[in-house]
Protein backbone atom coordinates (compact mmCIF):
# COMPACT_ATOMS: atom_id res chain seq x y z
CA MET A 1 94.70 -23.29 -157.61
CA ASN A 2 91.14 -23.90 -158.92
CA TRP A 3 89.99 -22.03 -162.25
CA TRP A 4 86.70 -21.62 -160.27
CA VAL A 5 88.90 -19.44 -157.81
CA LEU A 6 90.23 -17.02 -160.54
CA ARG A 7 86.74 -16.36 -162.07
CA ARG A 8 85.39 -15.16 -158.82
CA LYS A 9 83.50 -11.75 -158.68
CA ILE A 10 86.18 -9.51 -156.21
CA HIS A 11 84.82 -6.38 -154.75
CA ILE A 12 84.98 -3.24 -157.38
CA SER A 13 86.26 -1.37 -154.67
CA TRP A 14 89.32 -3.68 -154.57
CA LEU A 15 89.46 -3.67 -158.71
CA ILE A 16 89.36 0.05 -158.31
CA ALA A 17 92.44 0.33 -155.85
CA ALA A 18 93.80 -1.81 -158.71
CA LEU A 19 93.33 0.23 -161.38
CA CYS A 20 94.19 2.94 -159.34
CA ILE A 21 98.03 1.44 -158.62
CA GLY A 22 98.26 0.86 -162.17
CA ILE A 23 97.38 4.88 -163.03
CA PHE A 24 100.64 5.42 -160.74
CA ILE A 25 103.02 3.00 -162.10
CA GLY A 26 102.14 4.39 -165.29
CA ILE A 27 102.36 8.38 -164.45
CA PHE A 28 105.56 7.24 -162.53
CA PHE A 29 107.34 5.92 -165.49
CA ALA A 30 106.23 8.67 -167.84
CA LYS A 31 109.07 10.66 -166.42
CA PHE A 32 111.48 7.77 -168.07
CA ASN A 33 109.28 7.60 -170.70
CA THR A 34 111.20 9.18 -174.19
CA TYR A 35 108.25 7.95 -176.54
CA LEU A 36 105.85 10.68 -177.52
CA PHE A 37 102.92 8.49 -179.31
CA THR A 38 102.48 7.74 -175.70
CA SER A 39 100.59 11.43 -175.20
CA SER A 40 98.23 10.27 -178.07
CA ILE A 41 94.58 10.21 -177.50
CA ILE A 42 94.87 6.25 -178.70
CA PHE A 43 96.36 5.59 -175.36
CA VAL A 44 93.25 6.86 -173.59
CA LEU A 45 91.01 5.17 -175.68
CA MET A 46 93.00 1.49 -175.18
CA ALA A 47 92.72 2.22 -171.42
CA ALA A 48 88.66 2.87 -171.31
CA PHE A 49 88.13 -0.31 -173.34
CA ILE A 50 90.32 -2.58 -171.02
CA ILE A 51 88.43 -0.63 -167.51
CA ILE A 52 85.51 -1.11 -168.68
CA PHE A 53 85.64 -4.53 -169.86
CA VAL A 54 87.27 -5.94 -166.49
CA LEU A 55 84.96 -3.44 -164.06
CA TRP A 56 82.16 -4.93 -166.26
CA ARG A 57 83.18 -8.62 -166.02
CA LYS A 58 84.87 -8.08 -162.39
CA SER A 59 86.90 -11.76 -162.08
CA MET A 60 90.44 -11.92 -160.31
CA TYR A 61 91.78 -13.04 -163.07
CA LEU A 62 91.07 -10.09 -164.81
CA ILE A 63 93.24 -7.86 -162.23
CA PRO A 64 96.25 -7.77 -164.50
CA LEU A 65 94.48 -6.64 -167.21
CA LEU A 66 92.92 -4.01 -165.45
CA ILE A 67 96.62 -2.78 -163.90
CA ILE A 68 97.36 -3.01 -167.40
CA GLY A 69 95.13 -0.62 -168.36
CA GLY A 70 95.78 1.90 -165.26
CA VAL A 71 99.28 1.90 -166.44
CA LEU A 72 98.35 2.77 -170.10
CA PHE A 73 95.91 5.69 -168.28
CA GLY A 74 98.86 6.65 -166.37
CA LEU A 75 101.04 6.73 -169.09
CA TRP A 76 99.07 9.20 -171.24
CA ARG A 77 98.80 11.85 -168.22
CA GLY A 78 102.18 11.58 -167.50
CA SER A 79 103.22 11.52 -171.02
CA VAL A 80 100.94 14.80 -171.49
CA SER A 81 102.58 16.76 -168.26
CA GLN A 82 106.25 15.71 -169.79
CA SER A 83 105.32 17.58 -173.15
CA GLU A 84 103.54 20.43 -171.14
CA LEU A 85 106.77 20.76 -169.02
CA ALA A 86 109.04 20.00 -172.43
CA GLU A 87 108.95 24.09 -173.25
CA PHE A 88 110.82 24.81 -170.30
CA LYS A 89 114.50 22.88 -171.90
CA PRO A 90 115.12 25.71 -174.35
CA LEU A 91 114.81 28.73 -171.58
CA TYR A 92 117.47 26.81 -169.26
CA LYS A 93 120.30 29.07 -168.45
CA HIS A 94 118.68 31.57 -169.85
CA LEU A 95 117.63 35.10 -168.86
CA VAL A 96 113.98 35.31 -168.74
CA SER A 97 111.27 37.74 -167.07
CA VAL A 98 108.45 35.94 -164.87
CA THR A 99 105.32 37.00 -164.01
CA GLY A 100 103.31 34.66 -161.68
CA GLY A 101 101.14 33.84 -158.29
CA VAL A 102 102.45 33.10 -155.14
CA LYS A 103 101.48 29.60 -154.42
CA ASP A 104 102.62 29.12 -150.70
CA ASP A 105 103.40 31.15 -147.53
CA VAL A 106 106.98 32.86 -148.13
CA ASP A 107 110.04 31.12 -146.30
CA ILE A 108 113.16 32.53 -144.83
CA GLY A 109 116.32 30.51 -145.87
CA THR A 110 119.42 30.24 -144.18
CA SER A 111 121.12 32.89 -145.79
CA ASN A 112 118.21 35.16 -144.80
CA GLN A 113 116.82 34.72 -148.37
CA MET A 114 112.92 34.80 -149.50
CA ILE A 115 112.04 31.39 -150.95
CA ILE A 116 109.05 31.87 -152.94
CA ARG A 117 106.52 29.39 -154.68
CA LEU A 118 104.91 30.61 -157.88
CA ASP A 119 102.31 29.15 -160.37
CA SER A 120 100.30 30.52 -163.06
CA LEU A 121 103.42 31.69 -164.73
CA ALA A 122 104.26 33.50 -167.48
CA ILE A 123 107.44 33.51 -168.50
CA ASN A 124 108.82 35.78 -171.48
CA GLY A 125 105.00 37.04 -172.13
CA LYS A 126 103.63 32.73 -172.75
CA LEU A 127 101.54 31.34 -170.67
CA MET A 128 103.47 28.24 -168.74
CA PRO A 129 102.72 24.90 -166.68
CA GLY A 130 103.89 24.12 -163.41
CA SER A 131 105.47 26.25 -160.72
CA LEU A 132 108.59 27.48 -159.97
CA TYR A 133 111.26 27.40 -156.84
CA ILE A 134 112.41 30.69 -156.47
CA SER A 135 114.88 32.76 -154.02
CA SER A 136 115.59 36.21 -153.62
CA ALA A 137 116.97 39.06 -151.47
CA SER A 138 113.83 41.38 -151.96
CA LEU A 139 112.63 42.92 -148.94
CA SER A 140 109.40 43.14 -150.22
CA ASP A 141 106.38 42.17 -148.23
CA ILE A 142 105.19 39.67 -150.13
CA LYS A 143 102.49 36.80 -149.07
CA ARG A 144 100.37 33.88 -150.48
CA GLY A 145 98.25 35.15 -153.35
CA ASP A 146 100.16 38.23 -154.51
CA LYS A 147 101.33 38.55 -158.04
CA LEU A 148 104.80 39.52 -158.86
CA ILE A 149 106.87 40.22 -161.94
CA LEU A 150 110.81 39.33 -161.23
CA HIS A 151 113.80 38.10 -163.32
CA GLY A 152 116.89 36.32 -163.31
CA THR A 153 118.13 33.13 -164.51
CA LEU A 154 116.56 29.78 -165.26
CA ASN A 155 117.82 26.64 -164.50
CA GLU A 156 116.42 22.80 -164.42
CA GLY A 157 113.48 22.05 -161.24
CA PHE A 158 114.05 19.45 -158.74
CA GLY A 159 110.76 17.83 -156.74
CA ASN A 160 107.81 19.06 -158.65
CA PHE A 161 109.21 22.18 -159.56
CA SER A 162 110.00 23.00 -163.40
CA GLY A 163 112.32 25.17 -162.96
CA VAL A 164 114.08 27.27 -160.01
CA MET A 165 115.35 30.64 -159.97
CA TYR A 166 118.33 31.59 -157.66
CA ARG A 167 118.91 34.75 -156.42
CA ALA A 168 115.90 36.52 -158.59
CA THR A 169 115.30 40.09 -158.64
CA VAL A 170 111.61 41.22 -157.86
CA GLU A 171 110.39 44.11 -159.94
CA LYS A 172 107.31 44.23 -158.60
CA VAL A 173 104.98 43.20 -156.34
CA ILE A 174 100.98 43.04 -157.25
CA HIS A 175 98.82 43.01 -154.12
CA PRO A 176 95.29 41.88 -155.75
CA LYS A 177 91.75 42.99 -153.96
CA PRO A 178 90.51 41.11 -152.09
CA GLY A 179 93.56 38.81 -152.61
CA ASP A 180 93.50 35.92 -150.59
CA ILE A 181 90.69 35.77 -148.19
CA ALA A 182 91.47 32.68 -146.46
CA ARG A 183 95.02 33.94 -145.85
CA ALA A 184 94.41 37.40 -144.84
CA VAL A 185 91.39 35.72 -142.37
CA ARG A 186 93.95 33.62 -140.89
CA ASP A 187 96.64 36.56 -140.36
CA TRP A 188 94.35 38.62 -138.52
CA PHE A 189 93.30 35.95 -136.38
CA ALA A 190 97.08 35.06 -135.83
CA ASP A 191 98.01 38.65 -134.84
CA SER A 192 95.30 38.66 -131.94
CA ILE A 193 96.92 35.77 -130.63
CA ARG A 194 100.42 37.52 -130.81
CA ARG A 195 98.79 40.24 -128.88
CA VAL A 196 98.40 38.00 -126.15
CA ILE A 197 100.75 35.56 -125.87
CA PRO A 198 104.59 36.22 -126.24
CA GLU A 199 106.86 34.55 -128.80
CA PRO A 200 107.97 31.94 -129.61
CA GLU A 201 104.57 29.85 -127.72
CA ALA A 202 102.52 32.49 -130.35
CA SER A 203 104.46 31.20 -133.42
CA LEU A 204 104.00 27.62 -131.67
CA GLY A 205 100.33 28.12 -131.25
CA ILE A 206 99.41 29.88 -134.52
CA GLY A 207 101.49 26.57 -136.37
CA TYR A 208 99.65 24.00 -134.17
CA LEU A 209 95.90 25.50 -135.23
CA VAL A 210 96.42 26.08 -138.61
CA GLY A 211 100.02 24.46 -139.88
CA GLN A 212 101.42 27.99 -140.41
CA ARG A 213 105.50 26.71 -140.08
CA ARG A 214 106.72 29.23 -141.69
CA ALA A 215 105.93 31.90 -139.35
CA LEU A 216 108.15 30.40 -136.56
CA PRO A 217 111.78 31.96 -135.49
CA ILE A 218 114.20 30.04 -137.65
CA ASP A 219 115.87 28.21 -134.05
CA LEU A 220 112.42 26.52 -132.70
CA SER A 221 111.59 25.34 -136.26
CA GLU A 222 115.21 23.46 -136.86
CA ALA A 223 114.55 22.21 -133.22
CA LEU A 224 111.26 20.78 -134.25
CA LYS A 225 113.11 19.26 -137.04
CA LEU A 226 115.55 17.93 -135.06
CA VAL A 227 112.99 16.05 -132.30
CA GLY A 228 110.97 14.74 -135.20
CA LEU A 229 107.98 17.05 -134.15
CA THR A 230 107.97 18.69 -138.03
CA HIS A 231 104.63 16.82 -138.57
CA VAL A 232 102.45 19.13 -135.67
CA ILE A 233 103.43 22.19 -137.21
CA VAL A 234 102.50 21.54 -140.87
CA ALA A 235 99.38 21.56 -142.77
CA SER A 236 98.39 18.51 -142.84
CA GLY A 237 96.42 15.09 -141.97
CA TYR A 238 97.00 15.53 -138.07
CA ASN A 239 96.55 18.82 -137.49
CA LEU A 240 92.98 18.14 -140.12
CA THR A 241 91.94 15.16 -138.01
CA ILE A 242 91.86 17.17 -134.61
CA LEU A 243 89.58 19.62 -135.93
CA VAL A 244 87.59 17.01 -138.15
CA ARG A 245 86.59 14.63 -135.09
CA LEU A 246 86.31 17.95 -132.77
CA ALA A 247 83.43 18.76 -135.00
CA ARG A 248 82.00 15.56 -135.79
CA ARG A 249 81.43 15.03 -132.19
CA LEU A 250 80.85 18.18 -131.46
CA PHE A 251 77.42 18.00 -133.56
CA ILE A 252 76.75 14.26 -133.61
CA LYS A 253 74.10 15.10 -130.79
CA VAL A 254 72.46 17.17 -132.78
CA SER A 255 72.07 14.82 -136.15
CA LYS A 256 74.72 12.88 -138.17
CA TYR A 257 73.53 15.34 -140.88
CA ALA A 258 74.67 18.53 -138.81
CA SER A 259 77.80 16.47 -137.51
CA ALA A 260 79.08 15.69 -141.22
CA LEU A 261 77.66 19.13 -142.54
CA ALA A 262 80.24 20.80 -139.80
CA ALA A 263 83.18 18.53 -140.59
CA ILE A 264 83.07 19.09 -144.16
CA ALA A 265 83.09 22.86 -143.36
CA MET A 266 86.00 22.36 -141.04
CA ILE A 267 88.10 20.65 -144.04
CA VAL A 268 86.84 23.65 -146.87
CA VAL A 269 87.84 26.16 -144.36
CA PHE A 270 91.02 24.34 -143.25
CA MET A 271 92.12 23.86 -146.89
CA ALA A 272 91.60 27.36 -147.71
CA ILE A 273 93.20 28.53 -144.62
CA ALA A 274 96.60 26.17 -145.09
CA GLY A 275 96.96 26.49 -148.19
CA ALA A 276 96.47 23.16 -150.91
CA SER A 277 100.21 21.70 -150.51
CA PRO A 278 100.72 17.97 -151.40
CA SER A 279 100.43 16.98 -147.91
CA MET A 280 97.67 18.93 -147.22
CA SER A 281 95.60 17.78 -150.66
CA ARG A 282 96.19 13.85 -149.25
CA ALA A 283 95.08 14.89 -145.89
CA GLY A 284 91.54 16.56 -147.34
CA LEU A 285 90.89 13.66 -149.69
CA ILE A 286 91.65 11.33 -147.31
CA ALA A 287 89.69 12.86 -144.31
CA SER A 288 86.50 13.66 -147.00
CA LEU A 289 86.57 10.09 -147.99
CA SER A 290 86.63 9.01 -144.61
CA LEU A 291 83.97 11.00 -143.49
CA ALA A 292 81.74 9.66 -146.29
CA ALA A 293 82.57 6.22 -145.43
CA TRP A 294 81.09 7.00 -142.13
CA TYR A 295 77.82 8.77 -143.19
CA TYR A 296 77.12 6.21 -145.04
CA GLY A 297 77.86 3.60 -142.77
CA ARG A 298 80.50 2.27 -144.81
CA LYS A 299 84.05 0.95 -144.09
CA PHE A 300 86.82 1.69 -146.18
CA HIS A 301 89.95 -0.40 -146.05
CA PRO A 302 93.24 1.68 -145.52
CA ILE A 303 94.63 0.16 -148.47
CA ILE A 304 92.07 1.01 -150.67
CA LEU A 305 91.77 4.17 -149.54
CA LEU A 306 95.51 5.14 -149.77
CA SER A 307 95.25 3.86 -153.22
CA ILE A 308 92.27 6.36 -154.64
CA ALA A 309 94.18 9.21 -152.93
CA VAL A 310 97.44 7.98 -154.53
CA ALA A 311 95.93 8.09 -157.47
CA VAL A 312 93.56 11.17 -157.71
CA THR A 313 96.39 13.52 -156.66
CA VAL A 314 99.14 12.45 -158.89
CA LEU A 315 96.20 12.50 -161.95
CA ILE A 316 95.61 16.21 -160.87
CA ASN A 317 99.75 17.01 -160.44
CA PRO A 318 102.05 14.08 -162.44
CA SER A 319 104.94 15.94 -160.90
CA TYR A 320 103.85 14.78 -156.91
CA ALA A 321 104.87 11.07 -158.03
CA TRP A 322 108.30 12.24 -159.80
CA GLY A 323 109.80 13.51 -156.43
CA ASP A 324 107.89 15.72 -154.19
CA LEU A 325 109.28 14.99 -150.91
CA GLY A 326 106.39 16.10 -148.85
CA TRP A 327 103.74 13.69 -151.05
CA GLN A 328 105.80 10.84 -150.12
CA LEU A 329 106.11 11.65 -146.50
CA SER A 330 102.38 12.59 -146.19
CA PHE A 331 101.26 9.16 -147.91
CA ALA A 332 103.96 6.97 -145.60
CA ALA A 333 102.56 8.99 -142.31
CA PHE A 334 99.34 7.85 -143.39
CA ALA A 335 100.33 4.22 -143.70
CA GLY A 336 101.58 3.85 -140.51
CA VAL A 337 98.76 5.71 -139.14
CA MET A 338 96.29 3.49 -140.73
CA ILE A 339 97.69 0.27 -141.20
CA LEU A 340 100.91 -0.75 -139.31
CA ALA A 341 99.37 0.93 -136.17
CA PRO A 342 96.42 -0.91 -135.84
CA LEU A 343 98.17 -3.93 -136.87
CA SER A 344 101.09 -3.91 -133.97
CA GLN A 345 98.54 -2.96 -131.49
CA ARG A 346 96.59 -6.02 -132.48
CA TYR A 347 99.33 -7.94 -132.75
CA PHE A 348 100.49 -7.00 -129.02
CA PHE A 349 97.74 -5.81 -127.26
CA GLY A 350 95.47 -8.42 -128.77
CA ASP A 351 91.45 -7.68 -128.17
CA LYS A 352 92.29 -5.17 -125.55
CA LYS A 353 92.14 -1.88 -126.92
CA PRO A 354 95.07 0.50 -125.76
CA GLY A 355 95.23 3.05 -123.18
CA THR A 356 95.42 6.74 -124.70
CA ILE A 357 99.25 6.87 -124.45
CA ALA A 358 99.61 3.14 -125.79
CA GLN A 359 97.77 4.35 -128.77
CA ILE A 360 99.59 7.47 -129.49
CA LEU A 361 102.68 6.12 -128.47
CA GLY A 362 101.96 3.46 -131.00
CA GLU A 363 100.71 5.45 -133.71
CA THR A 364 103.91 7.63 -133.18
CA ILE A 365 106.57 4.66 -133.94
CA SER A 366 104.14 4.08 -137.16
CA ALA A 367 104.57 7.04 -138.51
CA GLN A 368 108.54 7.26 -137.49
CA ILE A 369 109.14 3.43 -138.91
CA MET A 370 107.07 4.31 -142.16
CA THR A 371 108.98 7.52 -142.92
CA ALA A 372 112.39 7.06 -141.62
CA PRO A 373 113.58 5.32 -144.51
CA ILE A 374 112.50 8.08 -146.99
CA ILE A 375 113.67 10.72 -144.38
CA ILE A 376 117.57 8.60 -144.38
CA ALA A 377 117.52 8.33 -148.07
CA SER A 378 116.68 12.40 -148.50
CA PHE A 379 118.68 13.75 -145.89
CA GLY A 380 120.89 11.20 -144.49
CA GLN A 381 119.69 12.10 -140.99
CA LEU A 382 117.72 10.81 -138.33
CA SER A 383 116.06 11.56 -135.13
CA ASN A 384 117.72 9.73 -132.11
CA VAL A 385 115.06 11.22 -129.89
CA ALA A 386 111.48 11.59 -132.07
CA ILE A 387 109.68 8.93 -130.01
CA VAL A 388 110.47 10.29 -126.85
CA SER A 389 109.42 13.96 -128.17
CA ASN A 390 105.93 13.08 -129.62
CA LEU A 391 105.04 10.77 -126.64
CA LEU A 392 105.96 14.09 -124.50
CA VAL A 393 103.95 16.22 -126.84
CA LEU A 394 101.27 14.88 -129.10
CA PRO A 395 98.96 14.51 -126.36
CA PHE A 396 98.88 18.11 -125.40
CA VAL A 397 98.55 19.39 -129.03
CA PRO A 398 94.55 19.13 -129.21
CA ILE A 399 94.86 21.15 -125.74
CA ALA A 400 97.03 23.85 -127.08
CA MET A 401 94.79 24.56 -130.08
CA LEU A 402 91.62 25.22 -128.14
CA LEU A 403 93.59 27.38 -125.96
CA THR A 404 95.08 29.06 -128.04
CA PHE A 405 91.88 29.43 -130.12
CA ILE A 406 90.31 30.98 -127.01
CA ALA A 407 93.07 33.33 -126.29
CA GLY A 408 92.55 34.95 -130.28
CA ILE A 409 89.08 35.24 -129.71
CA SER A 410 89.60 36.64 -126.57
CA SER A 411 92.15 39.19 -127.69
CA LEU A 412 89.20 40.17 -130.00
CA LEU A 413 86.49 40.35 -127.71
CA ILE A 414 87.41 40.99 -124.15
CA PRO A 415 91.15 42.56 -124.88
CA SER A 416 91.32 44.02 -120.98
CA VAL A 417 91.59 40.29 -119.70
CA ALA A 418 92.85 38.86 -122.89
CA THR A 419 96.35 37.84 -121.29
CA LEU A 420 94.84 36.40 -118.22
CA VAL A 421 92.54 34.30 -120.61
CA ALA A 422 95.51 33.05 -122.38
CA LEU A 423 97.46 32.26 -119.77
CA PRO A 424 97.08 28.75 -119.86
CA ALA A 425 97.60 28.36 -123.50
CA THR A 426 101.06 30.17 -122.81
CA TRP A 427 102.18 27.49 -120.09
CA LEU A 428 101.44 24.63 -122.69
CA LEU A 429 103.14 26.31 -125.29
CA GLY A 430 105.72 26.98 -123.32
CA TYR A 431 106.23 23.60 -121.51
CA SER A 432 106.52 21.98 -125.66
CA VAL A 433 109.08 24.95 -126.30
CA GLY A 434 110.97 23.47 -123.28
CA VAL A 435 110.39 20.03 -124.04
CA THR A 436 112.04 21.11 -127.64
CA GLU A 437 114.67 23.11 -127.09
CA TYR A 438 116.09 20.75 -124.09
CA LEU A 439 115.70 17.24 -126.43
CA ALA A 440 116.69 19.52 -129.48
CA GLY A 441 120.11 20.25 -127.42
CA LEU A 442 121.31 17.01 -126.54
CA PRO A 443 124.67 16.09 -128.30
CA TRP A 444 123.20 12.94 -129.26
CA VAL A 445 119.81 14.30 -130.82
CA SER A 446 120.37 12.88 -134.55
CA SER A 447 122.42 10.29 -136.00
CA SER A 448 123.86 10.77 -139.73
CA VAL A 449 122.55 7.21 -141.66
CA ASN A 450 123.48 6.47 -145.76
CA LEU A 451 120.77 4.59 -147.43
CA ALA A 452 120.88 3.82 -151.29
CA TRP A 453 117.77 3.46 -153.42
CA TRP A 454 118.10 -0.59 -152.90
CA GLY A 455 118.14 -0.06 -149.28
CA LEU A 456 115.33 2.28 -149.40
CA GLY A 457 112.91 -0.62 -151.60
CA LEU A 458 114.27 -3.16 -149.16
CA SER A 459 113.20 -1.41 -146.19
CA TYR A 460 109.79 -0.91 -147.35
CA LEU A 461 109.41 -4.88 -148.35
CA SER A 462 110.86 -5.82 -145.32
CA ILE A 463 107.98 -3.43 -143.36
CA THR A 464 105.40 -4.96 -145.89
CA GLY A 465 106.19 -8.54 -145.08
CA ILE A 466 105.53 -7.61 -141.28
CA CYS A 467 102.58 -6.39 -141.90
CA ILE A 468 101.53 -9.16 -143.34
CA TYR A 469 102.52 -11.18 -140.67
CA MET A 470 101.03 -9.08 -138.40
CA TRP A 471 97.81 -9.24 -139.90
CA ARG A 472 98.13 -13.38 -140.42
CA VAL A 473 98.48 -13.74 -137.09
CA THR A 474 95.69 -11.22 -135.52
CA LYS A 475 93.03 -11.74 -137.82
CA TYR A 476 92.78 -8.39 -137.67
CA ASN A 477 90.15 -6.49 -140.10
CA LEU A 478 91.73 -3.22 -141.16
CA ARG A 479 88.44 -2.28 -142.44
CA GLU A 480 87.75 -1.22 -138.53
CA THR A 481 89.78 1.59 -138.69
CA ASN A 482 88.24 5.05 -139.79
CA LEU A 483 90.37 8.26 -139.82
CA VAL A 484 87.15 10.32 -138.34
CA GLU A 485 86.47 8.29 -135.36
């Protein structure tokens, strides 16, 4: 290769992507770093000097140096977070008193225990970073946004949790005023839906509409997991994409500005209602960037968009890079829909745009392929009917969301005939429940498969190789894909 090729200027967006990759690598390895000096401000200054220099020169041969600058910055950010989390170590295996805010909706575990996620922590009267995973037999009415005072034995955490407390005793539940207004509005509207749509169809419709998975009956929730449909009732990119596309298309006839403003409002409202989970944070960020690119007539390459979203989310919360399964699955599914799906569709269909069913099937298979290695490695289980269930249910989800919303509005405005208005939603949701329960009842619905860490890496190397091959054959420009169009 000639030297002039390496000296060629490269677009700033790819430099930013390289920087973001370096930041993620640095934060990831900070978990295994035992050198305290990496949390020094010197690391930040070194990283800043390297990054500014490379971004100024913009030469291709400086990309490895830019990645090194990103790694240094990521090491610093991760080391700072590790230093903060080290404050928990002396407390493990000890009885502690905890005050904190309920971060997400409360789950009900297999033993009818409440599963609570706490942040804004104070342990034994001292403010602490991070979040805790709590299980408790308490029968208190605990909701997102409440403040709890509890005690129990603190154990070492997992994933993005700084600590775990099993069988904790809840001493006091404080309901702040006004509290979590978005959650209150969501629950108020959900109650209006339940008045006109029977269970479990009502909970499924609410799950479609606002991603409230934790309100589902346990048997239906387990059935959705078995058939690979959990993603449609988890507040994530799929729900948000439907709403953003709807808002954009409804208001585009008014003006481009009104369309973008309505879509932004939809993102903000949906994130407030659903909560800032890892998958929701990723979905909101990517939807916002995609919307900005559409509004200004720009095109984001999915790899650049993915890199930016990865870096931003782990900079905000480094623990996402250290084992948060929801965060990993969210990005894997995004890569499947935005990279693998369009490449495979162009490879098999050529320039001819596939029909709606073929497109849904292609995106579903692509998302399943990208998330399957992580699911198998984490749970040792893989759904055998995921493709069939998604093909049978996904095309009707946007319609079900609209009909469920209409049912809720009619329950509030015209209660005398609301049950009749809600019949189409009830029938369509009943169809989804019936398909889910039938497929989940099949004896071969899932298979047990084990996958070691090296197998996980080999799987994604193989998928990457297939994507590169299809890209070289089709010459497809991935910049043409946009999440909000």
